Amino acid sequence: MEHTAKDVAKLREETGAGFADCKAALTEAKTYTEAVKILDEKGQKRAEKVKGQERETRQGAVVAYIHHGGNLGVLLEVNCSTDFVARSDEFKALARDLALQIAGRDPRYISFDDVPEETRTQLREQLTNDAEVLKRPEHLREQIVEGKLKKQLAEHVLLEQPYVKDETITVGKLVDDVIRKTGENIVVRRFTRYALGE
């Protein structure tokens, strides 16, 4: 598609991608929306690549959030590789947003890997014996059970929850977007949520 410098600037602002990547995406795409999708896919691949590197994540921040009224609080540790990124506005905003997410949605686990095997096994047994699953062909049942298992656990897993400020994306996607922008892996290390009287 033909594009102007304003189109490139708008795309850069919207996606956080570099100038050359935005220009290439606009040239390759037939529409502006398609260019955004191209950049999103490239960004996701970059984020996956950065997460796959075995670089230490010992810098970061411990963030505290106290809900007005003082009846709810969150203490959260988010890590990255360098203190340069830890001091960046993107990282600080992400840490605040994660604390707000935890306060609002009360997740129990950070990722699916953190769900105890005992909990998964118990839920898997319940779903296997569910009448709706038993109606399905036997060769599809295991796949259906795994899909239902992930769906049920997702509401308790921080990185799988819909982001409170934009329900069209997950918290995991939000973290991946910041990884793409900073070029460093970002890890939610641990959190504790305190509610008055609980």
C-alpha atoms as a PDB file:
ATOM      1  CA  MET A   1       0.000   0.000   0.000  1.00  0.00           C
ATOM      2  CA  GLU A   2       1.146   3.556  -0.561  1.00  0.00           C
ATOM      3  CA  HIS A   3       1.905   5.410   2.631  1.00  0.00           C
ATOM      4  CA  THR A   4       3.101   8.757   3.936  1.00  0.00           C
ATOM      5  CA  ALA A   5       5.465   9.710   6.732  1.00  0.00           C
ATOM      6  CA  LYS A   6       2.373  10.454   8.872  1.00  0.00           C
ATOM      7  CA  ASP A   7       1.181   6.860   8.381  1.00  0.00           C
ATOM      8  CA  VAL A   8       4.559   5.555   9.541  1.00  0.00           C
ATOM      9  CA  ALA A   9       4.536   7.885  12.571  1.00  0.00           C
ATOM     10  CA  LYS A  10       0.978   6.867  13.477  1.00  0.00           C
ATOM     11  CA  LEU A  11       1.856   3.176  13.192  1.00  0.00           C
ATOM     12  CA  ARG A  12       4.986   3.664  15.322  1.00  0.00           C
ATOM     13  CA  GLU A  13       2.985   5.421  18.017  1.00  0.00           C
ATOM     14  CA  GLU A  14       0.271   2.761  18.003  1.00  0.00           C
ATOM     15  CA  THR A  15       2.521  -0.319  17.991  1.00  0.00           C
ATOM     16  CA  GLY A  16       5.801   0.846  19.508  1.00  0.00           C
ATOM     17  CA  ALA A  17       7.677  -0.770  16.599  1.00  0.00           C
ATOM     18  CA  GLY A  18      10.749   0.766  14.971  1.00  0.00           C
ATOM     19  CA  PHE A  19      10.668   3.081  11.960  1.00  0.00           C
ATOM     20  CA  ALA A  20      12.064   0.513   9.495  1.00  0.00           C
ATOM     21  CA  ASP A  21       9.642  -2.194  10.673  1.00  0.00           C
ATOM     22  CA  CYS A  22       6.651   0.162  10.342  1.00  0.00           C
ATOM     23  CA  LYS A  23       7.707   1.264   6.872  1.00  0.00           C
ATOM     24  CA  ALA A  24       8.212  -2.365   5.750  1.00  0.00           C
ATOM     25  CA  ALA A  25       4.848  -3.428   7.204  1.00  0.00           C
ATOM     26  CA  LEU A  26       3.004  -0.606   5.436  1.00  0.00           C
ATOM     27  CA  THR A  27       4.736  -1.469   2.151  1.00  0.00           C
ATOM     28  CA  GLU A  28       3.912  -5.172   2.516  1.00  0.00           C
ATOM     29  CA  ALA A  29       0.297  -4.754   3.675  1.00  0.00           C
ATOM     30  CA  LYS A  30      -2.742  -3.869   1.609  1.00  0.00           C
ATOM     31  CA  THR A  31      -4.422  -1.959   4.450  1.00  0.00           C
ATOM     32  CA  TYR A  32      -3.402  -0.139   7.605  1.00  0.00           C
ATOM     33  CA  THR A  33      -5.118  -2.803   9.745  1.00  0.00           C
ATOM     34  CA  GLU A  34      -3.134  -5.527   8.003  1.00  0.00           C
ATOM     35  CA  ALA A  35       0.094  -3.591   8.725  1.00  0.00           C
ATOM     36  CA  VAL A  36      -0.805  -3.531  12.433  1.00  0.00           C
ATOM     37  CA  LYS A  37      -1.369  -7.317  12.334  1.00  0.00           C
ATOM     38  CA  ILE A  38       1.978  -7.889  10.610  1.00  0.00           C
ATOM     39  CA  LEU A  39       3.787  -5.845  13.270  1.00  0.00           C
ATOM     40  CA  ASP A  40       1.894  -7.587  16.050  1.00  0.00           C
ATOM     41  CA  GLU A  41       2.957 -11.016  14.741  1.00  0.00           C
ATOM     42  CA  LYS A  42       6.585  -9.878  14.378  1.00  0.00           C
ATOM     43  CA  GLY A  43       6.493  -8.399  17.873  1.00  0.00           C
ATOM     44  CA  GLN A  44       5.090 -11.611  19.325  1.00  0.00           C
ATOM     45  CA  LYS A  45       7.875 -13.632  17.675  1.00  0.00           C
ATOM     46  CA  ARG A  46      10.468 -11.232  19.102  1.00  0.00           C
ATOM     47  CA  ALA A  47       8.939 -11.458  22.572  1.00  0.00           C
ATOM     48  CA  GLU A  48       8.992 -15.275  22.400  1.00  0.00           C
ATOM     49  CA  LYS A  49      12.633 -15.177  21.302  1.00  0.00           C
ATOM     50  CA  VAL A  50      13.586 -12.858  24.191  1.00  0.00           C
ATOM     51  CA  LYS A  51      11.704 -15.050  26.691  1.00  0.00           C
ATOM     52  CA  GLY A  52      13.532 -18.104  25.343  1.00  0.00           C
ATOM     53  CA  GLN A  53      16.952 -16.627  26.108  1.00  0.00           C
ATOM     54  CA  GLU A  54      18.418 -17.793  29.388  1.00  0.00           C
ATOM     55  CA  ARG A  55      19.345 -14.277  30.515  1.00  0.00           C
ATOM     56  CA  GLU A  56      19.080 -13.632  34.261  1.00  0.00           C
ATOM     57  CA  THR A  57      16.223 -11.475  35.483  1.00  0.00           C
ATOM     58  CA  ARG A  58      17.452 -10.170  38.838  1.00  0.00           C
ATOM     59  CA  GLN A  59      16.626  -6.465  38.438  1.00  0.00           C
ATOM     60  CA  GLY A  60      13.143  -5.012  38.616  1.00  0.00           C
ATOM     61  CA  ALA A  61      10.848  -3.679  41.282  1.00  0.00           C
ATOM     62  CA  VAL A  62       8.739  -4.576  44.260  1.00  0.00           C
ATOM     63  CA  VAL A  63       5.459  -2.702  43.918  1.00  0.00           C
ATOM     64  CA  ALA A  64       2.835  -2.069  46.572  1.00  0.00           C
ATOM     65  CA  TYR A  65      -0.750  -1.147  45.797  1.00  0.00           C
ATOM     66  CA  ILE A  66      -3.220  -0.163  48.505  1.00  0.00           C
ATOM     67  CA  HIS A  67      -6.808   0.299  47.407  1.00  0.00           C
ATOM     68  CA  HIS A  68      -8.409   3.527  48.656  1.00  0.00           C
ATOM     69  CA  GLY A  69     -10.036   2.879  51.972  1.00  0.00           C
ATOM     70  CA  GLY A  70      -7.187   0.602  52.973  1.00  0.00           C
ATOM     71  CA  ASN A  71      -9.198  -2.620  52.812  1.00  0.00           C
ATOM     72  CA  LEU A  72      -7.201  -4.267  49.999  1.00  0.00           C
ATOM     73  CA  GLY A  73      -3.495  -4.401  49.205  1.00  0.00           C
ATOM     74  CA  VAL A  74      -1.073  -6.101  46.823  1.00  0.00           C
ATOM     75  CA  LEU A  75       2.653  -6.675  47.098  1.00  0.00           C
ATOM     76  CA  LEU A  76       4.232  -7.706  43.787  1.00  0.00           C
ATOM     77  CA  GLU A  77       7.744  -8.491  42.497  1.00  0.00           C
ATOM     78  CA  VAL A  78       8.382  -8.026  38.774  1.00  0.00           C
ATOM     79  CA  ASN A  79      11.842  -8.722  37.347  1.00  0.00           C
ATOM     80  CA  CYS A  80      13.828  -7.787  34.251  1.00  0.00           C
ATOM     81  CA  SER A  81      17.490  -8.076  33.221  1.00  0.00           C
ATOM     82  CA  THR A  82      18.801  -4.531  33.693  1.00  0.00           C
ATOM     83  CA  ASP A  83      18.145  -1.636  36.035  1.00  0.00           C
ATOM     84  CA  PHE A  84      17.887   0.585  32.940  1.00  0.00           C
ATOM     85  CA  VAL A  85      14.657  -1.179  31.943  1.00  0.00           C
ATOM     86  CA  ALA A  86      13.513  -1.362  35.587  1.00  0.00           C
ATOM     87  CA  ARG A  87      13.620   2.456  35.706  1.00  0.00           C
ATOM     88  CA  SER A  88      11.808   2.896  32.387  1.00  0.00           C
ATOM     89  CA  ASP A  89       8.282   4.318  32.236  1.00  0.00           C
ATOM     90  CA  GLU A  90       6.981   1.240  30.375  1.00  0.00           C
ATOM     91  CA  PHE A  91       8.219  -1.123  33.085  1.00  0.00           C
ATOM     92  CA  LYS A  92       6.902   1.012  35.941  1.00  0.00           C
ATOM     93  CA  ALA A  93       3.498   1.334  34.254  1.00  0.00           C
ATOM     94  CA  LEU A  94       3.384  -2.436  33.682  1.00  0.00           C
ATOM     95  CA  ALA A  95       4.193  -3.132  37.350  1.00  0.00           C
ATOM     96  CA  ARG A  96       1.426  -0.754  38.513  1.00  0.00           C
ATOM     97  CA  ASP A  97      -1.065  -2.282  36.074  1.00  0.00           C
ATOM     98  CA  LEU A  98      -0.187  -5.811  37.223  1.00  0.00           C
ATOM     99  CA  ALA A  99      -0.723  -4.833  40.876  1.00  0.00           C
ATOM    100  CA  LEU A 100      -4.092  -3.324  39.941  1.00  0.00           C
ATOM    101  CA  GLN A 101      -4.994  -6.499  38.024  1.00  0.00           C
ATOM    102  CA  ILE A 102      -4.151  -8.676  41.019  1.00  0.00           C
ATOM    103  CA  ALA A 103      -6.192  -6.455  43.335  1.00  0.00           C
ATOM    104  CA  GLY A 104      -9.212  -6.524  41.015  1.00  0.00           C
ATOM    105  CA  ARG A 105      -9.226 -10.108  39.738  1.00  0.00           C
ATOM    106  CA  ASP A 106      -7.676 -12.057  42.642  1.00  0.00           C
ATOM    107  CA  PRO A 107      -5.585 -14.624  40.693  1.00  0.00           C
ATOM    108  CA  ARG A 108      -4.111 -17.578  42.596  1.00  0.00           C
ATOM    109  CA  TYR A 109      -1.276 -18.470  40.221  1.00  0.00           C
ATOM    110  CA  ILE A 110       1.075 -16.605  37.889  1.00  0.00           C
ATOM    111  CA  SER A 111       1.045 -19.140  35.020  1.00  0.00           C
ATOM    112  CA  PHE A 112      -0.406 -22.572  34.212  1.00  0.00           C
ATOM    113  CA  ASP A 113       2.925 -24.087  35.321  1.00  0.00           C
ATOM    114  CA  ASP A 114       2.255 -22.852  38.872  1.00  0.00           C
ATOM    115  CA  VAL A 115      -1.042 -24.736  39.211  1.00  0.00           C
ATOM    116  CA  PRO A 116      -0.379 -27.751  41.482  1.00  0.00           C
ATOM    117  CA  GLU A 117      -0.564 -31.110  39.711  1.00  0.00           C
ATOM    118  CA  GLU A 118      -3.033 -32.305  42.362  1.00  0.00           C
ATOM    119  CA  THR A 119      -5.452 -29.498  41.438  1.00  0.00           C
ATOM    120  CA  ARG A 120      -5.121 -30.278  37.721  1.00  0.00           C
ATOM    121  CA  THR A 121      -5.661 -34.016  38.279  1.00  0.00           C
ATOM    122  CA  GLN A 122      -8.738 -33.440  40.423  1.00  0.00           C
ATOM    123  CA  LEU A 123     -10.280 -31.031  37.914  1.00  0.00           C
ATOM    124  CA  ARG A 124      -9.359 -33.321  34.996  1.00  0.00           C
ATOM    125  CA  GLU A 125     -11.186 -36.244  36.681  1.00  0.00           C
ATOM    126  CA  GLN A 126     -14.305 -34.117  37.232  1.00  0.00           C
ATOM    127  CA  LEU A 127     -14.297 -33.003  33.593  1.00  0.00           C
ATOM    128  CA  THR A 128     -13.684 -36.536  32.278  1.00  0.00           C
ATOM    129  CA  ASN A 129     -16.818 -37.742  34.067  1.00  0.00           C
ATOM    130  CA  ASP A 130     -18.893 -34.723  32.993  1.00  0.00           C
ATOM    131  CA  ALA A 131     -22.065 -35.733  31.100  1.00  0.00           C
ATOM    132  CA  GLU A 132     -21.385 -33.217  28.307  1.00  0.00           C
ATOM    133  CA  VAL A 133     -17.913 -34.673  27.689  1.00  0.00           C
ATOM    134  CA  LEU A 134     -19.184 -38.271  27.767  1.00  0.00           C
ATOM    135  CA  LYS A 135     -21.599 -37.456  24.906  1.00  0.00           C
ATOM    136  CA  ARG A 136     -18.661 -36.671  22.619  1.00  0.00           C
ATOM    137  CA  PRO A 137     -16.784 -39.242  20.505  1.00  0.00           C
ATOM    138  CA  GLU A 138     -14.182 -41.060  22.594  1.00  0.00           C
ATOM    139  CA  HIS A 139     -11.217 -40.024  20.427  1.00  0.00           C
ATOM    140  CA  LEU A 140     -12.043 -36.310  21.044  1.00  0.00           C
ATOM    141  CA  ARG A 141     -12.701 -36.475  24.778  1.00  0.00           C
ATOM    142  CA  GLU A 142      -9.129 -35.917  25.961  1.00  0.00           C
ATOM    143  CA  GLN A 143      -8.776 -32.829  23.762  1.00  0.00           C
ATOM    144  CA  ILE A 144     -12.122 -31.466  25.017  1.00  0.00           C
ATOM    145  CA  VAL A 145     -11.148 -32.089  28.647  1.00  0.00           C
ATOM    146  CA  GLU A 146      -7.819 -30.255  28.190  1.00  0.00           C
ATOM    147  CA  GLY A 147      -9.588 -27.303  26.556  1.00  0.00           C
ATOM    148  CA  LYS A 148     -12.146 -27.085  29.365  1.00  0.00           C
ATOM    149  CA  LEU A 149      -9.405 -27.491  31.973  1.00  0.00           C
ATOM    150  CA  LYS A 150      -7.437 -24.542  30.578  1.00  0.00           C
ATOM    151  CA  LYS A 151     -10.585 -22.445  30.316  1.00  0.00           C
ATOM    152  CA  GLN A 152     -11.586 -23.102  33.939  1.00  0.00           C
ATOM    153  CA  LEU A 153      -8.087 -22.505  35.291  1.00  0.00           C
ATOM    154  CA  ALA A 154      -7.548 -19.353  33.191  1.00  0.00           C
ATOM    155  CA  GLU A 155      -9.670 -17.205  35.516  1.00  0.00           C
ATOM    156  CA  HIS A 156      -7.271 -18.073  38.377  1.00  0.00           C
ATOM    157  CA  VAL A 157      -4.039 -17.664  36.350  1.00  0.00           C
ATOM    158  CA  LEU A 158      -2.734 -14.084  36.205  1.00  0.00           C
ATOM    159  CA  LEU A 159      -1.123 -14.266  32.745  1.00  0.00           C
ATOM    160  CA  GLU A 160      -4.271 -15.810  31.218  1.00  0.00           C
ATOM    161  CA  GLN A 161      -6.802 -13.366  32.681  1.00  0.00           C
ATOM    162  CA  PRO A 162      -8.345 -10.638  30.516  1.00  0.00           C
ATOM    163  CA  TYR A 163      -6.562  -7.366  31.258  1.00  0.00           C
ATOM    164  CA  VAL A 164      -8.809  -5.132  33.425  1.00  0.00           C
ATOM    165  CA  LYS A 165      -8.147  -1.977  31.368  1.00  0.00           C
ATOM    166  CA  ASP A 166      -8.609  -3.681  27.973  1.00  0.00           C
ATOM    167  CA  GLU A 167     -10.527  -6.976  28.026  1.00  0.00           C
ATOM    168  CA  THR A 168      -9.563  -7.715  24.402  1.00  0.00           C
ATOM    169  CA  ILE A 169      -6.061  -8.768  25.505  1.00  0.00           C
ATOM    170  CA  THR A 170      -4.718 -11.026  28.235  1.00  0.00           C
ATOM    171  CA  VAL A 171      -2.250  -9.994  30.919  1.00  0.00           C
ATOM    172  CA  GLY A 172       0.301 -12.270  29.210  1.00  0.00           C
ATOM    173  CA  LYS A 173      -0.095 -10.277  25.987  1.00  0.00           C
ATOM    174  CA  LEU A 174       0.353  -7.035  27.951  1.00  0.00           C
ATOM    175  CA  VAL A 175       3.634  -8.343  29.392  1.00  0.00           C
ATOM    176  CA  ASP A 176       4.745  -9.535  25.926  1.00  0.00           C
ATOM    177  CA  ASP A 177       4.089  -6.055  24.501  1.00  0.00           C
ATOM    178  CA  VAL A 178       6.400  -4.501  27.099  1.00  0.00           C
ATOM    179  CA  ILE A 179       9.015  -7.222  26.426  1.00  0.00           C
ATOM    180  CA  ARG A 180       8.849  -6.309  22.746  1.00  0.00           C
ATOM    181  CA  LYS A 181       9.248  -2.583  23.483  1.00  0.00           C
ATOM    182  CA  THR A 182      12.111  -2.958  25.966  1.00  0.00           C
ATOM    183  CA  GLY A 183      13.902  -5.870  24.292  1.00  0.00           C
ATOM    184  CA  GLU A 184      14.297  -7.637  27.656  1.00  0.00           C
ATOM    185  CA  ASN A 185      12.563 -10.526  29.303  1.00  0.00           C
ATOM    186  CA  ILE A 186      10.135  -9.523  32.050  1.00  0.00           C
ATOM    187  CA  VAL A 187       9.045 -12.035  34.677  1.00  0.00           C
ATOM    188  CA  VAL A 188       6.304 -11.773  37.259  1.00  0.00           C
ATOM    189  CA  ARG A 189       8.171 -13.432  40.125  1.00  0.00           C
ATOM    190  CA  ARG A 190       5.618 -13.481  42.964  1.00  0.00           C
ATOM    191  CA  PHE A 191       2.711 -11.644  44.512  1.00  0.00           C
ATOM    192  CA  THR A 192       0.597 -11.538  47.628  1.00  0.00           C
ATOM    193  CA  ARG A 193      -2.898 -10.097  47.853  1.00  0.00           C
ATOM    194  CA  TYR A 194      -4.226  -8.959  51.196  1.00  0.00           C
ATOM    195  CA  ALA A 195      -7.935  -8.357  51.804  1.00  0.00           C
ATOM    196  CA  LEU A 196      -9.180  -7.046  55.124  1.00  0.00           C
ATOM    197  CA  GLY A 197     -10.739  -9.800  57.213  1.00  0.00           C
ATOM    198  CA  GLU A 198      -9.618 -12.711  55.005  1.00  0.00           C
END
